[in-house]
Amino acid sequence: MSAVTMPPPRRRRRGRRAGGVNWWLTALLCVLSLTVLVPLYFTVVTALKTPDQLGGTGFSLPTEWAWGNFAEAWRTIDFPARALNTAFITVGAVVLTLVTNSMVSYAIARQMHRPLFKALFYYFIAALFIPFPVLMLPAAKQAAILGLDNQAGLILLYTVYGLSFNVFLYTAYIRSIPVELEEAARIDGASTWGVFWKVVFPLLSPINATVGILTCVWAWNDFLLPLVIISDPDGATIQLAQYVFQGQFSADYTLAFSSYLMAMLPLLVVYLVAQRWVISGVTRGAIK
């Protein structure tokens, strides 16, 4: 009886995977993370310096920790009032966007087989390629004529300008929802309006979180649209108020960076709370 020859053991492939870890991808992520961590470090150390410590590369730690910069920036831009204005605009834009954009997307997604709705979908997609500076001055003039050069007008513009991208996200997600659920609701006597609000809209929670956080980040951090729309100084947002730190011949970087960190904190908390819904909404919308 002949002996059975055992195959030689396979050699472990080096470099790509070891222990289930993709080291090349991990190294790439570490390098890319520096594009966020380095500017963040620079912002923090600059916010904690005095103006006479800003020489050199700017990356050295403060010799004297100037925590008073935050209090001074708070008073200079009247942070509570400006934050309240920004929060009102952001919340209004998020709520109106979720309600209106989801309804438009539902109508398009369920009628995509009709030429009119398909053309409407591609019309919204084409609008993504129109740069905002092309529309900026006409929008500002039209808003002033209609008396919308205020916070309410800004909320409407955020809702309209975000419609194209949001339709793209919502449509892909809605088409992943089984039509049988809506048919069962209609058999029970539900109208189209009832089907949307009682069946479809509750299932849109992941993509609503995605659209909501993207709209929130945009409306909270935006500078250009409030600059050209809002005419009342009392209605200025945080970003407009921070412009006071930029002079014609100089800039107060320590107070400016302190105000940037204070403005970033509320948005960071919102993102940390909603990030898992953002990721799940995008991934589910990408898979039919």
Protein backbone atom coordinates (compact mmCIF):
# COMPACT_ATOMS: atom_id res chain seq x y z
CA MET A 1 0.00 0.00 0.00
CA SER A 2 1.55 3.24 -1.13
CA ALA A 3 2.02 6.12 1.26
CA VAL A 4 -0.18 9.15 0.84
CA THR A 5 1.78 12.24 -0.11
CA MET A 6 0.71 15.34 1.84
CA PRO A 7 0.60 18.64 -0.07
CA PRO A 8 3.15 21.24 1.04
CA PRO A 9 1.81 23.83 3.46
CA ARG A 10 0.68 27.08 1.88
CA ARG A 11 2.82 30.07 2.58
CA ARG A 12 1.06 33.02 4.08
CA ARG A 13 0.83 35.95 1.73
CA ARG A 14 2.61 38.86 3.22
CA GLY A 15 1.77 42.49 2.91
CA ARG A 16 -1.92 42.35 2.04
CA ARG A 17 -3.47 40.49 4.95
CA ALA A 18 -2.17 39.08 8.21
CA GLY A 19 -4.55 38.06 10.95
CA GLY A 20 -7.54 39.40 8.98
CA VAL A 21 -6.20 42.99 8.91
CA ASN A 22 -5.64 44.81 5.64
CA TRP A 23 -2.50 46.71 6.59
CA TRP A 24 -2.29 48.63 3.32
CA LEU A 25 -5.79 50.00 3.78
CA THR A 26 -5.12 50.71 7.46
CA ALA A 27 -1.97 52.66 6.57
CA LEU A 28 -3.88 54.61 3.92
CA LEU A 29 -6.60 55.52 6.42
CA CYS A 30 -3.98 56.66 8.93
CA VAL A 31 -2.35 58.91 6.35
CA LEU A 32 -5.70 60.34 5.22
CA SER A 33 -6.74 60.96 8.83
CA LEU A 34 -3.83 63.39 9.10
CA THR A 35 -5.68 65.72 6.72
CA VAL A 36 -8.24 66.17 9.50
CA LEU A 37 -6.13 65.77 12.64
CA VAL A 38 -3.35 68.18 11.64
CA PRO A 39 -5.67 71.15 10.89
CA LEU A 40 -7.66 70.35 14.03
CA TYR A 41 -4.49 70.37 16.12
CA PHE A 42 -3.43 73.65 14.51
CA THR A 43 -6.85 75.16 15.31
CA VAL A 44 -6.76 74.10 18.95
CA VAL A 45 -3.22 75.31 19.67
CA THR A 46 -3.87 78.61 17.87
CA ALA A 47 -7.05 79.19 19.86
CA LEU A 48 -5.09 78.76 23.11
CA LYS A 49 -2.27 81.16 22.22
CA THR A 50 -1.85 84.87 22.68
CA PRO A 51 -1.21 87.01 19.56
CA ASP A 52 2.50 87.35 20.37
CA GLN A 53 2.91 83.53 20.29
CA LEU A 54 1.79 83.14 16.66
CA GLY A 55 5.28 83.30 15.19
CA GLY A 56 7.15 80.33 13.78
CA THR A 57 5.46 77.33 12.21
CA GLY A 58 2.36 77.62 14.40
CA PHE A 59 2.48 73.98 15.52
CA SER A 60 4.30 74.57 18.81
CA LEU A 61 2.34 74.30 22.04
CA PRO A 62 1.41 77.57 23.76
CA THR A 63 3.89 78.83 26.32
CA GLU A 64 0.96 80.46 28.10
CA TRP A 65 -2.49 78.90 27.81
CA ALA A 66 -4.91 81.71 26.92
CA TRP A 67 -8.25 80.23 27.96
CA GLY A 68 -9.65 83.75 28.05
CA ASN A 69 -9.77 83.76 24.23
CA PHE A 70 -12.97 81.75 24.34
CA ALA A 71 -14.67 84.20 26.70
CA GLU A 72 -13.51 87.15 24.59
CA ALA A 73 -14.74 85.54 21.36
CA TRP A 74 -18.05 84.72 23.10
CA ARG A 75 -18.57 88.40 23.93
CA THR A 76 -17.26 89.81 20.65
CA ILE A 77 -19.65 87.98 18.35
CA ASP A 78 -22.50 87.78 20.89
CA PHE A 79 -22.34 84.01 20.59
CA PRO A 80 -25.68 83.08 22.27
CA ALA A 81 -27.72 85.31 19.94
CA ARG A 82 -25.84 84.25 16.81
CA ALA A 83 -26.03 80.58 17.79
CA LEU A 84 -29.79 80.93 18.30
CA ASN A 85 -30.16 82.46 14.81
CA THR A 86 -28.08 79.69 13.28
CA ALA A 87 -29.97 76.98 15.16
CA PHE A 88 -33.33 78.38 14.05
CA ILE A 89 -32.26 78.42 10.40
CA THR A 90 -30.68 74.97 10.62
CA VAL A 91 -33.63 73.29 12.33
CA GLY A 92 -36.09 74.95 9.97
CA ALA A 93 -34.10 73.90 6.92
CA VAL A 94 -33.76 70.31 8.16
CA VAL A 95 -37.47 69.89 8.98
CA LEU A 96 -38.71 71.48 5.76
CA THR A 97 -36.19 69.51 3.71
CA LEU A 98 -37.18 66.16 5.20
CA VAL A 99 -40.89 66.77 4.71
CA THR A 100 -40.88 68.22 1.19
CA ASN A 101 -37.93 66.43 -0.41
CA SER A 102 -39.13 63.01 0.73
CA MET A 103 -42.58 63.60 -0.79
CA VAL A 104 -41.13 64.73 -4.12
CA SER A 105 -38.77 61.76 -4.19
CA TYR A 106 -41.56 59.31 -3.37
CA ALA A 107 -43.64 60.55 -6.28
CA ILE A 108 -40.69 60.24 -8.64
CA ALA A 109 -39.51 56.84 -7.37
CA ARG A 110 -42.92 55.19 -7.70
CA GLN A 111 -43.65 56.75 -11.12
CA MET A 112 -40.23 56.29 -12.70
CA HIS A 113 -41.75 54.19 -15.48
CA ARG A 114 -43.57 57.26 -16.79
CA PRO A 115 -41.60 59.52 -19.16
CA LEU A 116 -42.59 62.72 -17.35
CA PHE A 117 -41.30 61.59 -13.98
CA LYS A 118 -38.16 60.07 -15.47
CA ALA A 119 -37.45 63.37 -17.23
CA LEU A 120 -38.09 65.20 -13.96
CA PHE A 121 -35.61 62.94 -12.17
CA TYR A 122 -32.88 63.63 -14.73
CA TYR A 123 -33.74 67.32 -14.57
CA PHE A 124 -32.95 67.33 -10.86
CA ILE A 125 -29.75 65.36 -11.45
CA ALA A 126 -28.65 67.87 -14.11
CA ALA A 127 -29.13 70.69 -11.60
CA LEU A 128 -26.32 69.21 -9.51
CA PHE A 129 -23.84 70.39 -12.14
CA ILE A 130 -24.88 74.06 -11.96
CA PRO A 131 -22.41 75.95 -9.73
CA PHE A 132 -23.91 78.10 -7.00
CA PRO A 133 -22.10 81.35 -8.01
CA VAL A 134 -24.13 81.29 -11.23
CA LEU A 135 -27.35 81.45 -9.20
CA MET A 136 -26.11 83.54 -6.28
CA LEU A 137 -26.84 87.09 -7.47
CA PRO A 138 -30.18 86.28 -9.18
CA ALA A 139 -31.31 84.45 -6.03
CA ALA A 140 -30.31 87.38 -3.81
CA LYS A 141 -32.15 89.89 -6.02
CA GLN A 142 -35.27 87.73 -6.25
CA ALA A 143 -35.29 87.18 -2.49
CA ALA A 144 -35.10 90.93 -1.89
CA ILE A 145 -37.98 91.59 -4.31
CA LEU A 146 -40.18 88.97 -2.62
CA GLY A 147 -39.28 90.16 0.88
CA LEU A 148 -37.43 86.92 1.64
CA ASP A 149 -34.07 88.48 2.49
CA ASN A 150 -34.37 87.11 6.02
CA GLN A 151 -34.15 83.86 7.94
CA ALA A 152 -37.38 82.46 6.46
CA GLY A 153 -36.10 83.05 2.94
CA LEU A 154 -32.81 81.40 3.84
CA ILE A 155 -34.66 78.29 5.05
CA LEU A 156 -36.58 78.10 1.76
CA LEU A 157 -33.39 78.44 -0.28
CA TYR A 158 -31.66 75.66 1.64
CA THR A 159 -34.66 73.44 0.98
CA VAL A 160 -34.74 74.23 -2.75
CA TYR A 161 -30.99 74.10 -3.38
CA GLY A 162 -30.69 70.77 -1.60
CA LEU A 163 -33.55 69.20 -3.55
CA SER A 164 -31.46 67.83 -6.42
CA PHE A 165 -29.02 65.86 -4.30
CA ASN A 166 -31.69 64.76 -1.85
CA VAL A 167 -33.91 63.43 -4.64
CA PHE A 168 -30.94 61.36 -5.81
CA LEU A 169 -30.54 59.85 -2.32
CA TYR A 170 -34.22 59.41 -1.51
CA THR A 171 -35.13 57.85 -4.84
CA ALA A 172 -32.51 55.12 -4.56
CA TYR A 173 -33.64 54.33 -1.02
CA ILE A 174 -37.38 54.34 -1.72
CA ARG A 175 -36.94 51.94 -4.63
CA SER A 176 -35.38 49.46 -2.19
CA ILE A 177 -38.62 49.39 -0.15
CA PRO A 178 -40.92 46.54 -1.26
CA VAL A 179 -43.97 47.79 -3.12
CA GLU A 180 -46.01 44.99 -1.52
CA LEU A 181 -46.10 46.93 1.74
CA GLU A 182 -47.88 49.82 0.05
CA GLU A 183 -50.23 47.49 -1.83
CA ALA A 184 -51.24 45.84 1.44
CA ALA A 185 -52.00 49.26 2.94
CA ARG A 186 -54.12 50.22 -0.08
CA ILE A 187 -56.08 46.97 0.22
CA ASP A 188 -56.88 48.02 3.80
CA GLY A 189 -58.28 51.28 2.45
CA ALA A 190 -55.35 53.67 2.87
CA SER A 191 -55.04 56.58 0.46
CA THR A 192 -51.80 57.55 -1.25
CA TRP A 193 -51.30 60.24 1.39
CA GLY A 194 -51.90 57.70 4.15
CA VAL A 195 -49.60 55.15 2.54
CA PHE A 196 -46.77 57.65 2.45
CA TRP A 197 -47.07 58.94 6.00
CA LYS A 198 -48.06 55.70 7.74
CA VAL A 199 -46.04 53.14 5.77
CA VAL A 200 -43.26 54.72 3.70
CA PHE A 201 -42.14 57.67 5.81
CA PRO A 202 -41.49 55.61 8.98
CA LEU A 203 -39.28 53.31 6.87
CA LEU A 204 -37.23 56.31 5.72
CA SER A 205 -35.61 56.84 9.13
CA PRO A 206 -32.05 55.88 8.02
CA ILE A 207 -32.09 58.02 4.88
CA ASN A 208 -33.86 60.82 6.76
CA ALA A 209 -30.93 60.81 9.19
CA THR A 210 -28.52 60.97 6.26
CA VAL A 211 -30.31 63.85 4.56
CA GLY A 212 -30.90 65.58 7.88
CA ILE A 213 -27.27 65.51 8.99
CA LEU A 214 -26.02 66.63 5.56
CA THR A 215 -28.49 69.52 5.54
CA CYS A 216 -27.60 70.35 9.14
CA VAL A 217 -23.88 70.50 8.38
CA TRP A 218 -24.48 72.62 5.30
CA ALA A 219 -26.88 75.11 6.91
CA TRP A 220 -24.84 75.44 10.11
CA ASN A 221 -21.48 75.99 8.42
CA ASP A 222 -22.61 77.99 5.39
CA PHE A 223 -21.25 81.49 4.97
CA LEU A 224 -21.91 82.54 1.38
CA LEU A 225 -25.70 82.14 1.22
CA PRO A 226 -26.40 84.04 4.48
CA LEU A 227 -23.97 86.72 3.31
CA VAL A 228 -25.94 87.49 0.14
CA ILE A 229 -29.46 86.87 1.53
CA ILE A 230 -29.71 88.21 5.08
CA SER A 231 -30.03 92.00 5.17
CA ASP A 232 -30.74 92.51 8.88
CA PRO A 233 -27.56 92.45 11.02
CA ASP A 234 -29.56 91.16 14.00
CA GLY A 235 -30.39 88.02 12.02
CA ALA A 236 -26.76 87.19 11.25
CA THR A 237 -25.51 83.65 11.77
CA ILE A 238 -22.37 82.58 13.62
CA GLN A 239 -20.38 82.45 10.39
CA LEU A 240 -21.32 86.02 9.46
CA ALA A 241 -20.49 87.24 12.96
CA GLN A 242 -17.08 85.54 12.81
CA TYR A 243 -16.21 87.73 9.83
CA VAL A 244 -15.60 90.53 12.32
CA PHE A 245 -12.23 88.93 13.13
CA GLN A 246 -11.05 89.49 9.54
CA GLY A 247 -9.88 93.07 8.99
CA GLN A 248 -8.64 94.71 5.80
CA PHE A 249 -5.02 94.64 6.89
CA SER A 250 -4.97 92.19 9.80
CA ALA A 251 -6.82 89.30 11.41
CA ASP A 252 -7.21 88.24 15.03
CA TYR A 253 -6.47 84.55 14.55
CA THR A 254 -6.57 83.59 18.22
CA LEU A 255 -10.13 84.84 18.77
CA ALA A 256 -11.22 83.63 15.33
CA PHE A 257 -10.02 80.09 15.95
CA SER A 258 -11.60 80.11 19.41
CA SER A 259 -14.95 81.01 17.87
CA TYR A 260 -14.49 78.29 15.22
CA LEU A 261 -14.09 75.65 17.92
CA MET A 262 -17.17 76.88 19.79
CA ALA A 263 -19.22 76.83 16.58
CA MET A 264 -17.99 73.35 15.73
CA LEU A 265 -18.90 71.73 19.07
CA PRO A 266 -22.74 71.55 18.69
CA LEU A 267 -22.43 70.12 15.19
CA LEU A 268 -19.89 67.55 16.35
CA VAL A 269 -22.29 66.31 19.02
CA VAL A 270 -25.11 66.00 16.45
CA TYR A 271 -22.92 64.02 14.08
CA LEU A 272 -21.65 61.66 16.77
CA VAL A 273 -25.23 60.88 17.77
CA ALA A 274 -26.53 60.36 14.20
CA GLN A 275 -23.53 58.87 12.40
CA ARG A 276 -24.73 55.26 12.45
CA TRP A 277 -27.99 56.25 10.74
CA VAL A 278 -26.06 58.29 8.18
CA ILE A 279 -23.92 55.30 7.20
CA SER A 280 -26.82 52.83 7.13
CA GLY A 281 -28.92 55.19 5.03
CA VAL A 282 -26.24 55.61 2.39
CA THR A 283 -25.36 51.91 2.20
CA ARG A 284 -28.95 50.69 2.00
CA GLY A 285 -29.78 53.25 -0.68
CA ALA A 286 -26.87 51.94 -2.74
CA ILE A 287 -28.16 48.34 -2.71
CA LYS A 288 -31.37 47.44 -4.50
